[in-house]
Amino acid sequence: ENLRYTMRDVRITQAELAKYSGLSESTISRYLAKERLPNVRALINICYVLNCTLDDLLPTYEMIEGTR
């Protein structure tokens, strides 16, 4: 969900994020649908495009703990 919220805050579409990060639109779609997790390189590229940090995208321990 963090990726979706950050994209909304930055006002960037899936197509734009894909274009500027060097990833395919289908890959971005899979990340947003929680069907696939990005690798470190993809995360760094996404952070660069969104002008955010890894902490902005990665779930915190509390978020993970709350899902149990």
N, C-alpha and C. Protein backbone atom coordinates (compact mmCIF):
# COMPACT_ATOMS: atom_id res chain seq x y z
N GLU A 1 0.81 -1.19 0.00
CA GLU A 1 0.00 0.00 0.00
C GLU A 1 0.85 1.26 0.00
N ASN A 2 2.05 1.17 0.59
CA ASN A 2 2.91 2.35 0.65
C ASN A 2 3.25 2.88 -0.74
N LEU A 3 3.49 1.98 -1.68
CA LEU A 3 3.80 2.40 -3.04
C LEU A 3 2.62 3.14 -3.65
N ARG A 4 1.44 2.61 -3.49
CA ARG A 4 0.23 3.24 -4.04
C ARG A 4 0.04 4.64 -3.45
N TYR A 5 0.20 4.77 -2.13
CA TYR A 5 0.01 6.07 -1.48
C TYR A 5 1.08 7.07 -1.93
N THR A 6 2.30 6.62 -2.06
CA THR A 6 3.38 7.51 -2.48
C THR A 6 3.16 7.95 -3.92
N MET A 7 2.73 7.05 -4.77
CA MET A 7 2.43 7.42 -6.16
C MET A 7 1.33 8.46 -6.20
N ARG A 8 0.32 8.30 -5.36
CA ARG A 8 -0.79 9.25 -5.33
C ARG A 8 -0.29 10.62 -4.85
N ASP A 9 0.56 10.63 -3.82
CA ASP A 9 1.10 11.89 -3.30
C ASP A 9 1.93 12.62 -4.35
N VAL A 10 2.69 11.86 -5.14
CA VAL A 10 3.57 12.45 -6.16
C VAL A 10 2.79 12.76 -7.44
N ARG A 11 1.60 12.18 -7.53
CA ARG A 11 0.75 12.34 -8.72
C ARG A 11 1.42 11.78 -9.97
N ILE A 12 1.78 10.51 -9.87
CA ILE A 12 2.41 9.81 -10.98
C ILE A 12 1.59 8.56 -11.31
N THR A 13 1.46 8.26 -12.58
CA THR A 13 0.70 7.09 -13.00
C THR A 13 1.61 5.86 -13.04
N GLN A 14 0.98 4.71 -13.16
CA GLN A 14 1.74 3.47 -13.30
C GLN A 14 2.62 3.53 -14.55
N ALA A 15 2.07 4.04 -15.63
CA ALA A 15 2.81 4.13 -16.89
C ALA A 15 4.02 5.04 -16.75
N GLU A 16 3.85 6.17 -16.08
CA GLU A 16 4.97 7.09 -15.88
C GLU A 16 6.03 6.48 -14.98
N LEU A 17 5.60 5.85 -13.91
CA LEU A 17 6.56 5.20 -13.00
C LEU A 17 7.34 4.13 -13.74
N ALA A 18 6.66 3.35 -14.54
CA ALA A 18 7.33 2.30 -15.32
C ALA A 18 8.36 2.92 -16.26
N LYS A 19 7.96 3.94 -16.98
CA LYS A 19 8.84 4.58 -17.96
C LYS A 19 10.11 5.13 -17.30
N TYR A 20 9.95 5.88 -16.23
CA TYR A 20 11.08 6.55 -15.60
C TYR A 20 11.94 5.63 -14.73
N SER A 21 11.37 4.51 -14.27
CA SER A 21 12.14 3.58 -13.43
C SER A 21 12.80 2.46 -14.23
N GLY A 22 12.43 2.35 -15.51
CA GLY A 22 13.01 1.29 -16.33
C GLY A 22 12.35 -0.06 -16.12
N LEU A 23 11.19 -0.06 -15.50
CA LEU A 23 10.43 -1.29 -15.27
C LEU A 23 9.24 -1.31 -16.22
N SER A 24 8.67 -2.48 -16.43
CA SER A 24 7.51 -2.57 -17.30
C SER A 24 6.25 -2.18 -16.54
N GLU A 25 5.25 -1.77 -17.28
CA GLU A 25 3.96 -1.44 -16.66
C GLU A 25 3.37 -2.65 -15.96
N SER A 26 3.54 -3.82 -16.54
CA SER A 26 2.99 -5.03 -15.91
C SER A 26 3.70 -5.33 -14.59
N THR A 27 4.98 -5.02 -14.52
CA THR A 27 5.72 -5.23 -13.27
C THR A 27 5.19 -4.30 -12.19
N ILE A 28 5.00 -3.03 -12.52
CA ILE A 28 4.46 -2.07 -11.55
C ILE A 28 3.06 -2.52 -11.12
N SER A 29 2.28 -2.98 -12.06
CA SER A 29 0.93 -3.47 -11.76
C SER A 29 0.98 -4.64 -10.78
N ARG A 30 1.92 -5.55 -10.98
CA ARG A 30 2.06 -6.70 -10.08
C ARG A 30 2.48 -6.27 -8.68
N TYR A 31 3.35 -5.26 -8.59
CA TYR A 31 3.73 -4.74 -7.27
C TYR A 31 2.52 -4.16 -6.56
N LEU A 32 1.73 -3.38 -7.28
CA LEU A 32 0.56 -2.75 -6.68
C LEU A 32 -0.51 -3.76 -6.29
N ALA A 33 -0.61 -4.85 -7.03
CA ALA A 33 -1.59 -5.90 -6.73
C ALA A 33 -1.06 -6.89 -5.69
N LYS A 34 0.16 -6.65 -5.21
CA LYS A 34 0.81 -7.53 -4.21
C LYS A 34 1.00 -8.94 -4.73
N GLU A 35 1.19 -9.07 -6.05
CA GLU A 35 1.45 -10.36 -6.66
C GLU A 35 2.94 -10.65 -6.73
N ARG A 36 3.73 -9.59 -6.59
CA ARG A 36 5.17 -9.71 -6.73
C ARG A 36 5.85 -8.66 -5.86
N LEU A 37 7.01 -9.01 -5.31
CA LEU A 37 7.79 -8.07 -4.51
C LEU A 37 8.96 -7.56 -5.34
N PRO A 38 9.23 -6.27 -5.26
CA PRO A 38 10.37 -5.73 -6.02
C PRO A 38 11.70 -6.14 -5.40
N ASN A 39 12.70 -6.31 -6.25
CA ASN A 39 14.03 -6.57 -5.72
C ASN A 39 14.65 -5.23 -5.31
N VAL A 40 15.84 -5.28 -4.74
CA VAL A 40 16.47 -4.07 -4.21
C VAL A 40 16.72 -3.04 -5.32
N ARG A 41 17.19 -3.49 -6.45
CA ARG A 41 17.46 -2.57 -7.56
C ARG A 41 16.19 -1.86 -8.01
N ALA A 42 15.09 -2.60 -8.13
CA ALA A 42 13.81 -2.00 -8.52
C ALA A 42 13.35 -0.99 -7.47
N LEU A 43 13.50 -1.34 -6.20
CA LEU A 43 13.12 -0.42 -5.12
C LEU A 43 13.90 0.89 -5.20
N ILE A 44 15.20 0.78 -5.45
CA ILE A 44 16.03 1.97 -5.54
C ILE A 44 15.60 2.83 -6.72
N ASN A 45 15.33 2.21 -7.85
CA ASN A 45 14.87 2.96 -9.03
C ASN A 45 13.53 3.65 -8.75
N ILE A 46 12.63 2.94 -8.11
CA ILE A 46 11.33 3.51 -7.78
C ILE A 46 11.49 4.68 -6.82
N CYS A 47 12.32 4.52 -5.81
CA CYS A 47 12.57 5.61 -4.85
C CYS A 47 13.14 6.83 -5.54
N TYR A 48 14.04 6.61 -6.48
CA TYR A 48 14.64 7.72 -7.21
C TYR A 48 13.57 8.50 -7.98
N VAL A 49 12.70 7.77 -8.66
CA VAL A 49 11.65 8.41 -9.46
C VAL A 49 10.65 9.13 -8.55
N LEU A 50 10.29 8.51 -7.45
CA LEU A 50 9.29 9.10 -6.55
C LEU A 50 9.89 10.10 -5.56
N ASN A 51 11.22 10.24 -5.59
CA ASN A 51 11.91 11.14 -4.67
C ASN A 51 11.55 10.82 -3.22
N CYS A 52 11.68 9.54 -2.88
CA CYS A 52 11.38 9.09 -1.53
C CYS A 52 12.49 8.15 -1.06
N THR A 53 12.39 7.70 0.17
CA THR A 53 13.38 6.78 0.73
C THR A 53 12.80 5.37 0.76
N LEU A 54 13.67 4.41 0.98
CA LEU A 54 13.20 3.03 1.15
C LEU A 54 12.24 2.92 2.32
N ASP A 55 12.49 3.70 3.38
CA ASP A 55 11.60 3.68 4.54
C ASP A 55 10.18 4.09 4.17
N ASP A 56 10.04 4.95 3.17
CA ASP A 56 8.71 5.37 2.74
C ASP A 56 7.93 4.23 2.08
N LEU A 57 8.64 3.29 1.49
CA LEU A 57 7.97 2.22 0.74
C LEU A 57 7.87 0.90 1.50
N LEU A 58 8.85 0.63 2.34
CA LEU A 58 8.87 -0.65 3.05
C LEU A 58 7.97 -0.59 4.27
N PRO A 59 7.26 -1.68 4.54
CA PRO A 59 6.39 -1.69 5.72
C PRO A 59 7.23 -1.68 6.99
N THR A 60 6.70 -1.05 8.02
CA THR A 60 7.38 -1.03 9.31
C THR A 60 7.06 -2.31 10.07
N TYR A 61 7.78 -2.54 11.14
CA TYR A 61 7.54 -3.73 11.94
C TYR A 61 6.11 -3.74 12.48
N GLU A 62 5.61 -2.58 12.87
CA GLU A 62 4.25 -2.52 13.40
C GLU A 62 3.22 -2.93 12.36
N MET A 63 3.47 -2.55 11.09
CA MET A 63 2.53 -2.92 10.03
C MET A 63 2.55 -4.43 9.82
N ILE A 64 3.72 -5.02 9.87
CA ILE A 64 3.85 -6.46 9.69
C ILE A 64 3.23 -7.18 10.87
N GLU A 65 3.53 -6.73 12.08
CA GLU A 65 3.02 -7.35 13.29
C GLU A 65 1.49 -7.29 13.34
N GLY A 66 0.92 -6.21 12.84
CA GLY A 66 -0.53 -6.03 12.87
C GLY A 66 -1.28 -6.98 11.95
N THR A 67 -0.59 -7.66 11.06
CA THR A 67 -1.27 -8.57 10.13
C THR A 67 -1.43 -9.97 10.69
N ARG A 68 -0.90 -10.20 11.83
CA ARG A 68 -0.99 -11.56 12.41
C ARG A 68 -2.28 -11.81 13.09
